[in-house]
Amino acid sequence: MTEAQHWVSFDGMTWPNPDDPTEVQWRIQYGNPAREDLAAAVSFMAAYSQLIRLPRRTREARIRSIRKATEAQR
């Protein structure tokens, strides 16, 4: 598993890659998750918690950044 395949990272946060959203989730839910899978899931949860606390404009800007980072990896 490479970082670029399953998540995008920028601005100190790690987000699931929307082009492959179920890979880590499936392994955690149904498979035998590796320690890296669990670390990624914790990172995703922390980023989401931070995102929902942001003011609306900042949150929307962050979401645009996530989309840009994902597009740049294609």
PDB file of N, CA and C in Angstrom:
ATOM      1  N   MET A   1       0.848  -1.176   0.000  1.00  0.00           N
ATOM      2  CA  MET A   1       0.000   0.000   0.000  1.00  0.00           C
ATOM      3  C   MET A   1       0.889   1.233   0.000  1.00  0.00           C
ATOM      4  N   THR A   2       0.653   2.124  -0.918  1.00  0.00           N
ATOM      5  CA  THR A   2       1.411   3.363  -0.926  1.00  0.00           C
ATOM      6  C   THR A   2       0.521   4.505  -0.498  1.00  0.00           C
ATOM      7  N   GLU A   3       1.129   5.497   0.082  1.00  0.00           N
ATOM      8  CA  GLU A   3       0.369   6.632   0.603  1.00  0.00           C
ATOM      9  C   GLU A   3      -0.463   7.297  -0.483  1.00  0.00           C
ATOM     10  N   ALA A   4       0.099   7.493  -1.656  1.00  0.00           N
ATOM     11  CA  ALA A   4      -0.607   8.193  -2.730  1.00  0.00           C
ATOM     12  C   ALA A   4      -1.848   7.436  -3.199  1.00  0.00           C
ATOM     13  N   GLN A   5      -1.885   6.141  -3.038  1.00  0.00           N
ATOM     14  CA  GLN A   5      -3.035   5.365  -3.504  1.00  0.00           C
ATOM     15  C   GLN A   5      -4.250   5.536  -2.620  1.00  0.00           C
ATOM     16  N   HIS A   6      -4.072   5.550  -1.324  1.00  0.00           N
ATOM     17  CA  HIS A   6      -5.208   5.442  -0.420  1.00  0.00           C
ATOM     18  C   HIS A   6      -5.536   6.700   0.358  1.00  0.00           C
ATOM     19  N   TRP A   7      -4.654   7.666   0.388  1.00  0.00           N
ATOM     20  CA  TRP A   7      -5.001   8.906   1.065  1.00  0.00           C
ATOM     21  C   TRP A   7      -4.214  10.064   0.497  1.00  0.00           C
ATOM     22  N   VAL A   8      -4.721  11.249   0.766  1.00  0.00           N
ATOM     23  CA  VAL A   8      -4.034  12.468   0.369  1.00  0.00           C
ATOM     24  C   VAL A   8      -3.657  13.199   1.647  1.00  0.00           C
ATOM     25  N   SER A   9      -2.515  13.826   1.639  1.00  0.00           N
ATOM     26  CA  SER A   9      -2.039  14.520   2.811  1.00  0.00           C
ATOM     27  C   SER A   9      -1.584  15.919   2.413  1.00  0.00           C
ATOM     28  N   PHE A  10      -2.027  16.905   3.160  1.00  0.00           N
ATOM     29  CA  PHE A  10      -1.611  18.280   2.931  1.00  0.00           C
ATOM     30  C   PHE A  10      -1.972  19.080   4.160  1.00  0.00           C
ATOM     31  N   ASP A  11      -1.336  20.185   4.355  1.00  0.00           N
ATOM     32  CA  ASP A  11      -1.661  21.107   5.441  1.00  0.00           C
ATOM     33  C   ASP A  11      -1.743  20.405   6.795  1.00  0.00           C
ATOM     34  N   GLY A  12      -0.894  19.386   6.982  1.00  0.00           N
ATOM     35  CA  GLY A  12      -0.846  18.685   8.258  1.00  0.00           C
ATOM     36  C   GLY A  12      -1.999  17.732   8.509  1.00  0.00           C
ATOM     37  N   MET A  13      -2.850  17.472   7.499  1.00  0.00           N
ATOM     38  CA  MET A  13      -3.980  16.566   7.678  1.00  0.00           C
ATOM     39  C   MET A  13      -3.903  15.439   6.656  1.00  0.00           C
ATOM     40  N   THR A  14      -4.469  14.300   7.001  1.00  0.00           N
ATOM     41  CA  THR A  14      -4.519  13.144   6.110  1.00  0.00           C
ATOM     42  C   THR A  14      -5.973  12.822   5.854  1.00  0.00           C
ATOM     43  N   TRP A  15      -6.316  12.654   4.566  1.00  0.00           N
ATOM     44  CA  TRP A  15      -7.698  12.397   4.174  1.00  0.00           C
ATOM     45  C   TRP A  15      -7.763  11.166   3.293  1.00  0.00           C
ATOM     46  N   PRO A  16      -8.879  10.409   3.353  1.00  0.00           N
ATOM     47  CA  PRO A  16      -9.042   9.299   2.426  1.00  0.00           C
ATOM     48  C   PRO A  16      -9.065   9.815   0.994  1.00  0.00           C
ATOM     49  N   ASN A  17      -8.523   9.065   0.100  1.00  0.00           N
ATOM     50  CA  ASN A  17      -8.560   9.421  -1.312  1.00  0.00           C
ATOM     51  C   ASN A  17      -9.950   9.069  -1.831  1.00  0.00           C
ATOM     52  N   PRO A  18     -10.744  10.058  -2.290  1.00  0.00           N
ATOM     53  CA  PRO A  18     -12.095   9.736  -2.736  1.00  0.00           C
ATOM     54  C   PRO A  18     -12.135   8.832  -3.965  1.00  0.00           C
ATOM     55  N   ASP A  19     -11.016   8.694  -4.669  1.00  0.00           N
ATOM     56  CA  ASP A  19     -10.974   7.778  -5.804  1.00  0.00           C
ATOM     57  C   ASP A  19     -10.867   6.323  -5.348  1.00  0.00           C
ATOM     58  N   ASP A  20     -10.544   6.089  -4.085  1.00  0.00           N
ATOM     59  CA  ASP A  20     -10.413   4.743  -3.539  1.00  0.00           C
ATOM     60  C   ASP A  20     -10.905   4.746  -2.091  1.00  0.00           C
ATOM     61  N   PRO A  21     -12.172   5.118  -1.877  1.00  0.00           N
ATOM     62  CA  PRO A  21     -12.633   5.363  -0.509  1.00  0.00           C
ATOM     63  C   PRO A  21     -12.867   4.124   0.339  1.00  0.00           C
ATOM     64  N   THR A  22     -13.011   2.943  -0.261  1.00  0.00           N
ATOM     65  CA  THR A  22     -13.388   1.780   0.543  1.00  0.00           C
ATOM     66  C   THR A  22     -12.232   0.835   0.840  1.00  0.00           C
ATOM     67  N   GLU A  23     -11.093   1.051   0.261  1.00  0.00           N
ATOM     68  CA  GLU A  23      -9.987   0.107   0.416  1.00  0.00           C
ATOM     69  C   GLU A  23      -9.602  -0.080   1.895  1.00  0.00           C
ATOM     70  N   VAL A  24      -9.241   0.991   2.577  1.00  0.00           N
ATOM     71  CA  VAL A  24      -8.857   0.892   3.992  1.00  0.00           C
ATOM     72  C   VAL A  24     -10.080   0.525   4.825  1.00  0.00           C
ATOM     73  N   GLN A  25     -11.218   1.133   4.521  1.00  0.00           N
ATOM     74  CA  GLN A  25     -12.446   0.845   5.259  1.00  0.00           C
ATOM     75  C   GLN A  25     -12.791  -0.643   5.175  1.00  0.00           C
ATOM     76  N   TRP A  26     -12.692  -1.231   3.989  1.00  0.00           N
ATOM     77  CA  TRP A  26     -13.025  -2.642   3.827  1.00  0.00           C
ATOM     78  C   TRP A  26     -12.104  -3.511   4.663  1.00  0.00           C
ATOM     79  N   ARG A  27     -10.802  -3.222   4.624  1.00  0.00           N
ATOM     80  CA  ARG A  27      -9.856  -4.050   5.386  1.00  0.00           C
ATOM     81  C   ARG A  27     -10.121  -3.959   6.886  1.00  0.00           C
ATOM     82  N   ILE A  28     -10.475  -2.777   7.362  1.00  0.00           N
ATOM     83  CA  ILE A  28     -10.745  -2.627   8.789  1.00  0.00           C
ATOM     84  C   ILE A  28     -12.050  -3.332   9.163  1.00  0.00           C
ATOM     85  N   GLN A  29     -13.070  -3.187   8.312  1.00  0.00           N
ATOM     86  CA  GLN A  29     -14.378  -3.738   8.631  1.00  0.00           C
ATOM     87  C   GLN A  29     -14.469  -5.241   8.419  1.00  0.00           C
ATOM     88  N   TYR A  30     -13.886  -5.753   7.327  1.00  0.00           N
ATOM     89  CA  TYR A  30     -14.085  -7.163   6.968  1.00  0.00           C
ATOM     90  C   TYR A  30     -12.808  -7.993   6.909  1.00  0.00           C
ATOM     91  N   GLY A  31     -11.688  -7.346   6.724  1.00  0.00           N
ATOM     92  CA  GLY A  31     -10.453  -8.074   6.514  1.00  0.00           C
ATOM     93  C   GLY A  31      -9.608  -8.159   7.762  1.00  0.00           C
ATOM     94  N   ASN A  32      -8.335  -8.230   7.537  1.00  0.00           N
ATOM     95  CA  ASN A  32      -7.363  -8.280   8.612  1.00  0.00           C
ATOM     96  C   ASN A  32      -6.498  -7.028   8.484  1.00  0.00           C
ATOM     97  N   PRO A  33      -6.918  -5.919   9.120  1.00  0.00           N
ATOM     98  CA  PRO A  33      -6.214  -4.659   8.906  1.00  0.00           C
ATOM     99  C   PRO A  33      -4.789  -4.685   9.448  1.00  0.00           C
ATOM    100  N   ALA A  34      -3.914  -4.089   8.670  1.00  0.00           N
ATOM    101  CA  ALA A  34      -2.530  -3.916   9.117  1.00  0.00           C
ATOM    102  C   ALA A  34      -2.477  -2.699  10.045  1.00  0.00           C
ATOM    103  N   ARG A  35      -1.409  -2.582  10.761  1.00  0.00           N
ATOM    104  CA  ARG A  35      -1.235  -1.429  11.659  1.00  0.00           C
ATOM    105  C   ARG A  35      -1.322  -0.117  10.872  1.00  0.00           C
ATOM    106  N   GLU A  36      -0.833  -0.115   9.633  1.00  0.00           N
ATOM    107  CA  GLU A  36      -0.884   1.089   8.791  1.00  0.00           C
ATOM    108  C   GLU A  36      -2.335   1.462   8.474  1.00  0.00           C
ATOM    109  N   ASP A  37      -3.197   0.461   8.289  1.00  0.00           N
ATOM    110  CA  ASP A  37      -4.615   0.727   8.036  1.00  0.00           C
ATOM    111  C   ASP A  37      -5.255   1.413   9.238  1.00  0.00           C
ATOM    112  N   LEU A  38      -4.949   0.909  10.424  1.00  0.00           N
ATOM    113  CA  LEU A  38      -5.503   1.494  11.642  1.00  0.00           C
ATOM    114  C   LEU A  38      -4.973   2.907  11.855  1.00  0.00           C
ATOM    115  N   ALA A  39      -3.699   3.119  11.570  1.00  0.00           N
ATOM    116  CA  ALA A  39      -3.116   4.464  11.697  1.00  0.00           C
ATOM    117  C   ALA A  39      -3.777   5.431  10.714  1.00  0.00           C
ATOM    118  N   ALA A  40      -4.048   4.964   9.499  1.00  0.00           N
ATOM    119  CA  ALA A  40      -4.726   5.802   8.501  1.00  0.00           C
ATOM    120  C   ALA A  40      -6.130   6.152   8.987  1.00  0.00           C
ATOM    121  N   ALA A  41      -6.856   5.185   9.524  1.00  0.00           N
ATOM    122  CA  ALA A  41      -8.219   5.431   9.998  1.00  0.00           C
ATOM    123  C   ALA A  41      -8.230   6.457  11.125  1.00  0.00           C
ATOM    124  N   VAL A  42      -7.308   6.354  12.039  1.00  0.00           N
ATOM    125  CA  VAL A  42      -7.215   7.329  13.131  1.00  0.00           C
ATOM    126  C   VAL A  42      -6.927   8.721  12.572  1.00  0.00           C
ATOM    127  N   SER A  43      -6.061   8.791  11.593  1.00  0.00           N
ATOM    128  CA  SER A  43      -5.724  10.055  10.956  1.00  0.00           C
ATOM    129  C   SER A  43      -6.940  10.662  10.260  1.00  0.00           C
ATOM    130  N   PHE A  44      -7.719   9.820   9.557  1.00  0.00           N
ATOM    131  CA  PHE A  44      -8.925  10.289   8.873  1.00  0.00           C
ATOM    132  C   PHE A  44      -9.925  10.854   9.884  1.00  0.00           C
ATOM    133  N   MET A  45     -10.095  10.150  10.991  1.00  0.00           N
ATOM    134  CA  MET A  45     -11.050  10.597  12.010  1.00  0.00           C
ATOM    135  C   MET A  45     -10.612  11.924  12.628  1.00  0.00           C
ATOM    136  N   ALA A  46      -9.337  12.069  12.880  1.00  0.00           N
ATOM    137  CA  ALA A  46      -8.831  13.315  13.452  1.00  0.00           C
ATOM    138  C   ALA A  46      -9.030  14.482  12.484  1.00  0.00           C
ATOM    139  N   ALA A  47      -8.763  14.248  11.203  1.00  0.00           N
ATOM    140  CA  ALA A  47      -8.950  15.301  10.206  1.00  0.00           C
ATOM    141  C   ALA A  47     -10.424  15.688  10.103  1.00  0.00           C
ATOM    142  N   TYR A  48     -11.312  14.708  10.129  1.00  0.00           N
ATOM    143  CA  TYR A  48     -12.746  14.990  10.049  1.00  0.00           C
ATOM    144  C   TYR A  48     -13.198  15.790  11.272  1.00  0.00           C
ATOM    145  N   SER A  49     -12.746  15.397  12.440  1.00  0.00           N
ATOM    146  CA  SER A  49     -13.103  16.125  13.663  1.00  0.00           C
ATOM    147  C   SER A  49     -12.663  17.581  13.578  1.00  0.00           C
ATOM    148  N   GLN A  50     -11.469  17.782  13.054  1.00  0.00           N
ATOM    149  CA  GLN A  50     -10.976  19.148  12.899  1.00  0.00           C
ATOM    150  C   GLN A  50     -11.814  19.904  11.864  1.00  0.00           C
ATOM    151  N   LEU A  51     -12.147  19.256  10.763  1.00  0.00           N
ATOM    152  CA  LEU A  51     -12.894  19.900   9.687  1.00  0.00           C
ATOM    153  C   LEU A  51     -14.258  20.397  10.157  1.00  0.00           C
ATOM    154  N   ILE A  52     -14.988  19.587  10.895  1.00  0.00           N
ATOM    155  CA  ILE A  52     -16.343  19.990  11.269  1.00  0.00           C
ATOM    156  C   ILE A  52     -16.358  21.118  12.297  1.00  0.00           C
ATOM    157  N   ARG A  53     -15.256  21.362  12.958  1.00  0.00           N
ATOM    158  CA  ARG A  53     -15.176  22.466  13.910  1.00  0.00           C
ATOM    159  C   ARG A  53     -14.787  23.799  13.264  1.00  0.00           C
ATOM    160  N   LEU A  54     -14.345  23.750  12.014  1.00  0.00           N
ATOM    161  CA  LEU A  54     -13.902  24.973  11.344  1.00  0.00           C
ATOM    162  C   LEU A  54     -15.088  25.859  10.969  1.00  0.00           C
ATOM    163  N   PRO A  55     -14.867  27.178  10.908  1.00  0.00           N
ATOM    164  CA  PRO A  55     -15.911  28.058  10.384  1.00  0.00           C
ATOM    165  C   PRO A  55     -16.238  27.670   8.937  1.00  0.00           C
ATOM    166  N   ARG A  56     -17.450  27.955   8.503  1.00  0.00           N
ATOM    167  CA  ARG A  56     -17.940  27.516   7.195  1.00  0.00           C
ATOM    168  C   ARG A  56     -17.000  27.870   6.063  1.00  0.00           C
ATOM    169  N   ARG A  57     -16.546  29.095   5.967  1.00  0.00           N
ATOM    170  CA  ARG A  57     -15.676  29.495   4.839  1.00  0.00           C
ATOM    171  C   ARG A  57     -14.348  28.750   4.866  1.00  0.00           C
ATOM    172  N   THR A  58     -13.797  28.598   6.028  1.00  0.00           N
ATOM    173  CA  THR A  58     -12.536  27.868   6.150  1.00  0.00           C
ATOM    174  C   THR A  58     -12.746  26.399   5.792  1.00  0.00           C
ATOM    175  N   ARG A  59     -13.857  25.838   6.260  1.00  0.00           N
ATOM    176  CA  ARG A  59     -14.173  24.440   5.964  1.00  0.00           C
ATOM    177  C   ARG A  59     -14.338  24.233   4.457  1.00  0.00           C
ATOM    178  N   GLU A  60     -15.060  25.134   3.798  1.00  0.00           N
ATOM    179  CA  GLU A  60     -15.250  25.012   2.349  1.00  0.00           C
ATOM    180  C   GLU A  60     -13.927  25.146   1.601  1.00  0.00           C
ATOM    181  N   ALA A  61     -13.061  26.050   2.065  1.00  0.00           N
ATOM    182  CA  ALA A  61     -11.738  26.196   1.443  1.00  0.00           C
ATOM    183  C   ALA A  61     -10.925  24.920   1.626  1.00  0.00           C
ATOM    184  N   ARG A  62     -11.019  24.306   2.791  1.00  0.00           N
ATOM    185  CA  ARG A  62     -10.301  23.068   3.060  1.00  0.00           C
ATOM    186  C   ARG A  62     -10.799  21.954   2.151  1.00  0.00           C
ATOM    187  N   ILE A  63     -12.105  21.873   1.961  1.00  0.00           N
ATOM    188  CA  ILE A  63     -12.672  20.848   1.077  1.00  0.00           C
ATOM    189  C   ILE A  63     -12.191  21.055  -0.353  1.00  0.00           C
ATOM    190  N   ARG A  64     -12.129  22.302  -0.799  1.00  0.00           N
ATOM    191  CA  ARG A  64     -11.594  22.569  -2.138  1.00  0.00           C
ATOM    192  C   ARG A  64     -10.140  22.106  -2.226  1.00  0.00           C
ATOM    193  N   SER A  65      -9.379  22.315  -1.169  1.00  0.00           N
ATOM    194  CA  SER A  65      -7.979  21.880  -1.144  1.00  0.00           C
ATOM    195  C   SER A  65      -7.865  20.361  -1.221  1.00  0.00           C
ATOM    196  N   ILE A  66      -8.764  19.666  -0.551  1.00  0.00           N
ATOM    197  CA  ILE A  66      -8.766  18.198  -0.602  1.00  0.00           C
ATOM    198  C   ILE A  66      -9.015  17.748  -2.036  1.00  0.00           C
ATOM    199  N   ARG A  67      -9.983  18.365  -2.685  1.00  0.00           N
ATOM    200  CA  ARG A  67     -10.297  18.004  -4.074  1.00  0.00           C
ATOM    201  C   ARG A  67      -9.106  18.279  -4.994  1.00  0.00           C
ATOM    202  N   LYS A  68      -8.448  19.429  -4.809  1.00  0.00           N
ATOM    203  CA  LYS A  68      -7.285  19.768  -5.628  1.00  0.00           C
ATOM    204  C   LYS A  68      -6.158  18.769  -5.415  1.00  0.00           C
ATOM    205  N   ALA A  69      -5.890  18.419  -4.159  1.00  0.00           N
ATOM    206  CA  ALA A  69      -4.818  17.474  -3.863  1.00  0.00           C
ATOM    207  C   ALA A  69      -5.099  16.121  -4.500  1.00  0.00           C
ATOM    208  N   THR A  70      -6.359  15.711  -4.486  1.00  0.00           N
ATOM    209  CA  THR A  70      -6.741  14.432  -5.093  1.00  0.00           C
ATOM    210  C   THR A  70      -6.544  14.480  -6.601  1.00  0.00           C
ATOM    211  N   GLU A  71      -6.974  15.580  -7.228  1.00  0.00           N
ATOM    212  CA  GLU A  71      -6.815  15.723  -8.678  1.00  0.00           C
ATOM    213  C   GLU A  71      -5.344  15.742  -9.069  1.00  0.00           C
ATOM    214  N   ALA A  72      -4.505  16.352  -8.250  1.00  0.00           N
ATOM    215  CA  ALA A  72      -3.071  16.435  -8.555  1.00  0.00           C
ATOM    216  C   ALA A  72      -2.410  15.056  -8.537  1.00  0.00           C
ATOM    217  N   GLN A  73      -2.972  14.109  -7.785  1.00  0.00           N
ATOM    218  CA  GLN A  73      -2.392  12.768  -7.693  1.00  0.00           C
ATOM    219  C   GLN A  73      -2.801  11.870  -8.847  1.00  0.00           C
ATOM    220  N   ARG A  74      -3.758  12.290  -9.628  1.00  0.00           N
ATOM    221  CA  ARG A  74      -4.234  11.437 -10.741  1.00  0.00           C
ATOM    222  C   ARG A  74      -3.241  11.382 -11.837  1.00  0.00           C
TER     223      ARG A  74
END
